[in-house]
Protein backbone atom coordinates (compact mmCIF):
# COMPACT_ATOMS: atom_id res chain seq x y z
CA ALA A 1 20.87 -49.55 1.79
CA GLY A 2 21.01 -45.78 1.55
CA ALA A 3 17.80 -45.56 -0.47
CA GLN A 4 15.50 -42.65 0.24
CA VAL A 5 11.74 -42.89 0.02
CA LEU A 6 9.78 -39.94 -1.23
CA ARG A 7 6.09 -39.66 -0.45
CA LEU A 8 4.18 -37.56 -2.95
CA SER A 9 0.48 -36.85 -3.26
CA GLU A 10 -1.31 -37.95 -6.43
CA GLU A 11 -1.11 -34.39 -7.76
CA GLU A 12 2.61 -34.15 -7.01
CA MET A 13 3.28 -37.55 -8.59
CA ALA A 14 1.34 -36.47 -11.68
CA ALA A 15 3.60 -33.41 -11.98
CA VAL A 16 6.73 -35.59 -11.70
CA ASN A 17 5.26 -37.97 -14.28
CA ARG A 18 4.69 -35.09 -16.69
CA LEU A 19 8.32 -34.06 -16.26
CA THR A 20 9.49 -37.61 -16.98
CA GLU A 21 7.23 -37.70 -20.06
CA MET A 22 9.28 -34.75 -21.32
CA GLY A 23 12.26 -37.13 -21.32
CA PHE A 24 13.85 -36.41 -17.96
CA ASP A 25 15.07 -39.02 -15.50
CA ARG A 26 12.47 -39.69 -12.77
CA ALA A 27 14.90 -39.02 -9.91
CA ALA A 28 16.10 -35.76 -11.47
CA ALA A 29 12.51 -34.73 -12.20
CA ALA A 30 11.43 -35.38 -8.62
CA GLN A 31 14.44 -33.56 -7.19
CA ALA A 32 13.98 -30.57 -9.48
CA TYR A 33 10.27 -30.45 -8.62
CA LEU A 34 11.01 -30.42 -4.90
CA ALA A 35 13.94 -28.00 -5.26
CA CYS A 36 11.59 -25.59 -7.04
CA ASP A 37 9.07 -25.71 -4.18
CA LYS A 38 6.76 -27.97 -6.20
CA ASN A 39 6.51 -25.51 -9.08
CA GLU A 40 6.26 -27.76 -12.13
CA ALA A 41 6.98 -25.04 -14.71
CA LEU A 42 10.04 -23.85 -12.83
CA ALA A 43 11.26 -27.45 -12.43
CA ALA A 44 10.84 -28.01 -16.19
CA ASN A 45 12.89 -24.88 -16.89
CA LEU A 46 15.59 -26.01 -14.46
CA LEU A 47 15.77 -29.43 -16.10
CA MET A 48 15.80 -27.97 -19.63
CA ASP A 49 18.58 -25.58 -18.66
CA GLY A 50 20.63 -28.56 -17.49
CA GLY A 51 20.40 -27.61 -13.82
CA PHE A 52 20.47 -31.26 -12.83
CA ALA A 53 22.59 -32.56 -15.70
CA ASP A 54 25.65 -33.01 -13.48
CA PHE A 55 23.77 -34.48 -10.54
CA GLY A 56 26.11 -37.33 -9.61
CA ASP A 57 26.24 -40.29 -7.30
CA ASP A 58 27.36 -38.23 -4.33
CA GLY A 59 24.39 -35.86 -4.62
CA ALA A 60 26.59 -32.86 -3.93
CA ASP A 61 26.02 -30.95 -7.17
CA MET A 62 22.57 -29.42 -7.21
CA GLY A 63 23.29 -27.47 -10.38
CA GLY A 64 24.15 -24.06 -8.90
CA GLY A 65 26.74 -22.06 -10.83
CA GLY A 66 30.16 -23.40 -11.61
CA GLY A 67 33.32 -22.32 -9.87
CA ASP A 68 34.81 -20.57 -12.91
CA ASP A 69 32.31 -17.73 -12.90
CA ASP A 70 32.19 -17.20 -9.16
CA MET A 71 32.56 -13.49 -8.40
CA TYR A 72 34.64 -14.27 -5.30
CA ASP A 73 37.41 -16.19 -7.10
């Protein structure tokens, strides 16, 4: 219940696999890859920078800046 199915081409799956081989969680790797418009290098940078480190169960945090440094606070 609540599971989402992602359909990737062989090339896209290979990119996600390479990201997971770098030590990243498969779900985070796939989400970063898609969030970066299927740019593998950009997704790797996002993952290395911790952009998906706080990605929790609710899926709300996509890694964009924290509230403390928001210029509108």
